[in-house]
Amino acid sequence: MSAELAGDTSVVLLAAGLIFISALLLGIWKYRQMTSSPDGLAHPYVDTAHRAALLYSFATLLIAAFVEFSGWSETVDLIAALTLIFFFVAAIAGYCWHGAKRDTDNQMRGAGREVHTFMYALILGEVGAFAVLLAGFIEAQIL
């Protein structure tokens, strides 16, 4: 039996799968660095990128559930979900950038205004977007 998912849910599930496969591929990069390093460790940001991608893939599955059971329109749910996913992917990309450049072990040390501006946008975007999805779930499933 095949389940019929709403279009917005299908998009979010696809994003979860893509983030998960990126986590698996990042695991290969991490493994390669670990095996070629004298201390057996990958660069801290390669490790962080791998772990973040794994965690964000499962967080995106959680988002898919809230999208599917939300009372808001598909458009509202998709905008909220894609906002979260954008910041998840941007964070992973930033970690990969630092891992590839090997330029720091702490991106906040000496961070400029751009980094702080991005972090404020990330905080507002992630918390705000999930609040929209949570409110949609509450409206449809609880009230």
C-alpha atoms as a PDB file:
ATOM      1  CA  MET A   1       0.000   0.000   0.000  1.00  0.00           C
ATOM      2  CA  SER A   2       1.360   3.399  -0.958  1.00  0.00           C
ATOM      3  CA  ALA A   3       0.895   6.432   1.299  1.00  0.00           C
ATOM      4  CA  GLU A   4      -0.125   9.694  -0.287  1.00  0.00           C
ATOM      5  CA  LEU A   5       1.970  12.507   1.133  1.00  0.00           C
ATOM      6  CA  ALA A   6       1.317  16.172   0.609  1.00  0.00           C
ATOM      7  CA  GLY A   7       3.705  17.872  -1.807  1.00  0.00           C
ATOM      8  CA  ASP A   8       5.345  19.931   0.922  1.00  0.00           C
ATOM      9  CA  THR A   9       6.035  16.804   2.971  1.00  0.00           C
ATOM     10  CA  SER A  10       7.570  15.059  -0.035  1.00  0.00           C
ATOM     11  CA  VAL A  11       9.915  18.001  -0.619  1.00  0.00           C
ATOM     12  CA  VAL A  12      11.040  17.976   3.017  1.00  0.00           C
ATOM     13  CA  LEU A  13      11.559  14.199   3.012  1.00  0.00           C
ATOM     14  CA  LEU A  14      13.659  14.520  -0.144  1.00  0.00           C
ATOM     15  CA  ALA A  15      15.742  17.198   1.591  1.00  0.00           C
ATOM     16  CA  ALA A  16      16.198  14.869   4.583  1.00  0.00           C
ATOM     17  CA  GLY A  17      17.449  12.139   2.254  1.00  0.00           C
ATOM     18  CA  LEU A  18      19.838  14.483   0.477  1.00  0.00           C
ATOM     19  CA  ILE A  19      21.229  15.775   3.758  1.00  0.00           C
ATOM     20  CA  PHE A  20      21.624  12.188   5.004  1.00  0.00           C
ATOM     21  CA  ILE A  21      23.520  11.092   1.899  1.00  0.00           C
ATOM     22  CA  SER A  22      25.740  14.155   2.258  1.00  0.00           C
ATOM     23  CA  ALA A  23      26.427  13.038   5.848  1.00  0.00           C
ATOM     24  CA  LEU A  24      27.468   9.618   4.582  1.00  0.00           C
ATOM     25  CA  LEU A  25      29.780  11.188   2.005  1.00  0.00           C
ATOM     26  CA  LEU A  26      31.196  13.552   4.638  1.00  0.00           C
ATOM     27  CA  GLY A  27      31.883  10.445   6.717  1.00  0.00           C
ATOM     28  CA  ILE A  28      34.162   9.214   3.929  1.00  0.00           C
ATOM     29  CA  TRP A  29      36.055  12.534   4.001  1.00  0.00           C
ATOM     30  CA  LYS A  30      36.311  12.291   7.783  1.00  0.00           C
ATOM     31  CA  TYR A  31      37.551   8.694   7.589  1.00  0.00           C
ATOM     32  CA  ARG A  32      40.178   9.609   4.986  1.00  0.00           C
ATOM     33  CA  GLN A  33      41.486  12.407   7.200  1.00  0.00           C
ATOM     34  CA  MET A  34      41.508  10.143  10.249  1.00  0.00           C
ATOM     35  CA  THR A  35      43.510   7.432   8.495  1.00  0.00           C
ATOM     36  CA  SER A  36      46.056   9.877   7.128  1.00  0.00           C
ATOM     37  CA  SER A  37      46.522  11.864  10.329  1.00  0.00           C
ATOM     38  CA  PRO A  38      49.307  11.050  12.812  1.00  0.00           C
ATOM     39  CA  ASP A  39      46.872  11.486  15.724  1.00  0.00           C
ATOM     40  CA  GLY A  40      44.026   9.603  14.023  1.00  0.00           C
ATOM     41  CA  LEU A  41      41.743  12.627  14.048  1.00  0.00           C
ATOM     42  CA  ALA A  42      40.036  14.517  11.252  1.00  0.00           C
ATOM     43  CA  HIS A  43      40.086  18.309  11.205  1.00  0.00           C
ATOM     44  CA  PRO A  44      37.597  19.552  13.833  1.00  0.00           C
ATOM     45  CA  TYR A  45      35.360  21.136  11.196  1.00  0.00           C
ATOM     46  CA  VAL A  46      35.304  18.015   9.019  1.00  0.00           C
ATOM     47  CA  ASP A  47      34.176  16.131  12.121  1.00  0.00           C
ATOM     48  CA  THR A  48      31.622  18.853  12.886  1.00  0.00           C
ATOM     49  CA  ALA A  49      30.295  18.868   9.302  1.00  0.00           C
ATOM     50  CA  HIS A  50      29.805  15.090   9.398  1.00  0.00           C
ATOM     51  CA  ARG A  51      28.037  15.114  12.756  1.00  0.00           C
ATOM     52  CA  ALA A  52      25.929  18.164  11.914  1.00  0.00           C
ATOM     53  CA  ALA A  53      24.762  16.619   8.637  1.00  0.00           C
ATOM     54  CA  LEU A  54      23.748  13.439  10.459  1.00  0.00           C
ATOM     55  CA  LEU A  55      21.832  15.388  13.100  1.00  0.00           C
ATOM     56  CA  TYR A  56      20.252  17.801  10.619  1.00  0.00           C
ATOM     57  CA  SER A  57      19.062  14.914   8.430  1.00  0.00           C
ATOM     58  CA  PHE A  58      17.070  13.521  11.351  1.00  0.00           C
ATOM     59  CA  ALA A  59      15.913  16.994  12.385  1.00  0.00           C
ATOM     60  CA  THR A  60      14.597  17.386   8.839  1.00  0.00           C
ATOM     61  CA  LEU A  61      12.599  14.168   9.280  1.00  0.00           C
ATOM     62  CA  LEU A  62      11.053  15.719  12.382  1.00  0.00           C
ATOM     63  CA  ILE A  63      10.231  18.823  10.365  1.00  0.00           C
ATOM     64  CA  ALA A  64       8.529  16.608   7.755  1.00  0.00           C
ATOM     65  CA  ALA A  65       6.209  15.219  10.425  1.00  0.00           C
ATOM     66  CA  PHE A  66       5.233  18.711  11.583  1.00  0.00           C
ATOM     67  CA  VAL A  67       4.697  19.783   7.955  1.00  0.00           C
ATOM     68  CA  GLU A  68       2.491  16.757   7.252  1.00  0.00           C
ATOM     69  CA  PHE A  69       0.294  17.324  10.318  1.00  0.00           C
ATOM     70  CA  SER A  70       0.161  21.130  10.184  1.00  0.00           C
ATOM     71  CA  GLY A  71      -3.063  22.999   9.670  1.00  0.00           C
ATOM     72  CA  TRP A  72      -1.416  25.733   7.625  1.00  0.00           C
ATOM     73  CA  SER A  73      -1.341  25.815   3.839  1.00  0.00           C
ATOM     74  CA  GLU A  74       1.285  23.875   1.923  1.00  0.00           C
ATOM     75  CA  THR A  75       2.833  27.202   0.928  1.00  0.00           C
ATOM     76  CA  VAL A  76       3.232  28.399   4.535  1.00  0.00           C
ATOM     77  CA  ASP A  77       4.570  25.018   5.650  1.00  0.00           C
ATOM     78  CA  LEU A  78       6.990  24.795   2.740  1.00  0.00           C
ATOM     79  CA  ILE A  79       8.360  28.309   3.315  1.00  0.00           C
ATOM     80  CA  ALA A  80       8.894  27.541   7.010  1.00  0.00           C
ATOM     81  CA  ALA A  81      10.483  24.148   6.311  1.00  0.00           C
ATOM     82  CA  LEU A  82      12.742  25.474   3.560  1.00  0.00           C
ATOM     83  CA  THR A  83      13.878  28.282   5.851  1.00  0.00           C
ATOM     84  CA  LEU A  84      15.017  25.693   8.395  1.00  0.00           C
ATOM     85  CA  ILE A  85      16.616  23.523   5.722  1.00  0.00           C
ATOM     86  CA  PHE A  86      18.420  26.512   4.196  1.00  0.00           C
ATOM     87  CA  PHE A  87      20.087  27.309   7.524  1.00  0.00           C
ATOM     88  CA  PHE A  88      20.889  23.629   8.174  1.00  0.00           C
ATOM     89  CA  VAL A  89      22.611  23.330   4.796  1.00  0.00           C
ATOM     90  CA  ALA A  90      24.342  26.701   5.172  1.00  0.00           C
ATOM     91  CA  ALA A  91      25.783  25.609   8.521  1.00  0.00           C
ATOM     92  CA  ILE A  92      27.027  22.319   7.070  1.00  0.00           C
ATOM     93  CA  ALA A  93      28.557  24.182   4.117  1.00  0.00           C
ATOM     94  CA  GLY A  94      30.311  26.579   6.487  1.00  0.00           C
ATOM     95  CA  TYR A  95      31.767  23.698   8.446  1.00  0.00           C
ATOM     96  CA  CYS A  96      32.935  22.063   5.201  1.00  0.00           C
ATOM     97  CA  TRP A  97      34.529  25.349   4.130  1.00  0.00           C
ATOM     98  CA  HIS A  98      36.561  25.575   7.318  1.00  0.00           C
ATOM     99  CA  GLY A  99      37.392  21.871   7.192  1.00  0.00           C
ATOM    100  CA  ALA A 100      38.667  22.157   3.623  1.00  0.00           C
ATOM    101  CA  LYS A 101      40.640  25.337   4.283  1.00  0.00           C
ATOM    102  CA  ARG A 102      41.886  24.124   7.687  1.00  0.00           C
ATOM    103  CA  ASP A 103      41.873  27.775   8.668  1.00  0.00           C
ATOM    104  CA  THR A 104      40.455  27.555  12.186  1.00  0.00           C
ATOM    105  CA  ASP A 105      39.299  25.258  14.917  1.00  0.00           C
ATOM    106  CA  ASN A 106      36.795  27.869  16.154  1.00  0.00           C
ATOM    107  CA  GLN A 107      34.934  29.968  13.591  1.00  0.00           C
ATOM    108  CA  MET A 108      33.691  32.345  16.299  1.00  0.00           C
ATOM    109  CA  ARG A 109      37.196  33.318  17.358  1.00  0.00           C
ATOM    110  CA  GLY A 110      37.774  36.674  15.735  1.00  0.00           C
ATOM    111  CA  ALA A 111      34.478  36.474  13.850  1.00  0.00           C
ATOM    112  CA  GLY A 112      33.545  39.601  11.985  1.00  0.00           C
ATOM    113  CA  ARG A 113      30.247  41.378  11.701  1.00  0.00           C
ATOM    114  CA  GLU A 114      29.145  39.170   8.775  1.00  0.00           C
ATOM    115  CA  VAL A 115      29.403  36.004  10.861  1.00  0.00           C
ATOM    116  CA  HIS A 116      27.426  37.515  13.725  1.00  0.00           C
ATOM    117  CA  THR A 117      24.799  38.862  11.321  1.00  0.00           C
ATOM    118  CA  PHE A 118      24.453  35.391   9.805  1.00  0.00           C
ATOM    119  CA  MET A 119      24.167  33.840  13.271  1.00  0.00           C
ATOM    120  CA  TYR A 120      21.381  36.252  14.252  1.00  0.00           C
ATOM    121  CA  ALA A 121      19.568  35.443  10.989  1.00  0.00           C
ATOM    122  CA  LEU A 122      20.054  31.720  11.653  1.00  0.00           C
ATOM    123  CA  ILE A 123      18.634  32.029  15.169  1.00  0.00           C
ATOM    124  CA  LEU A 124      15.640  34.048  14.040  1.00  0.00           C
ATOM    125  CA  GLY A 125      15.074  31.896  10.958  1.00  0.00           C
ATOM    126  CA  GLU A 126      15.312  28.526  12.664  1.00  0.00           C
ATOM    127  CA  VAL A 127      13.349  29.382  15.798  1.00  0.00           C
ATOM    128  CA  GLY A 128      10.765  31.433  13.912  1.00  0.00           C
ATOM    129  CA  ALA A 129      10.243  28.861  11.158  1.00  0.00           C
ATOM    130  CA  PHE A 130       9.869  25.988  13.586  1.00  0.00           C
ATOM    131  CA  ALA A 131       7.488  28.056  15.727  1.00  0.00           C
ATOM    132  CA  VAL A 132       5.290  28.448  12.622  1.00  0.00           C
ATOM    133  CA  LEU A 133       5.281  24.673  12.052  1.00  0.00           C
ATOM    134  CA  LEU A 134       4.651  23.930  15.714  1.00  0.00           C
ATOM    135  CA  ALA A 135       1.756  26.403  15.785  1.00  0.00           C
ATOM    136  CA  GLY A 136       0.304  24.778  12.655  1.00  0.00           C
ATOM    137  CA  PHE A 137       0.534  21.369  14.300  1.00  0.00           C
ATOM    138  CA  ILE A 138      -1.110  22.643  17.483  1.00  0.00           C
ATOM    139  CA  GLU A 139      -3.856  24.355  15.491  1.00  0.00           C
ATOM    140  CA  ALA A 140      -4.655  21.222  13.464  1.00  0.00           C
ATOM    141  CA  GLN A 141      -4.018  18.427  15.926  1.00  0.00           C
ATOM    142  CA  ILE A 142      -4.548  19.797  19.448  1.00  0.00           C
ATOM    143  CA  LEU A 143      -7.120  22.601  19.306  1.00  0.00           C
END
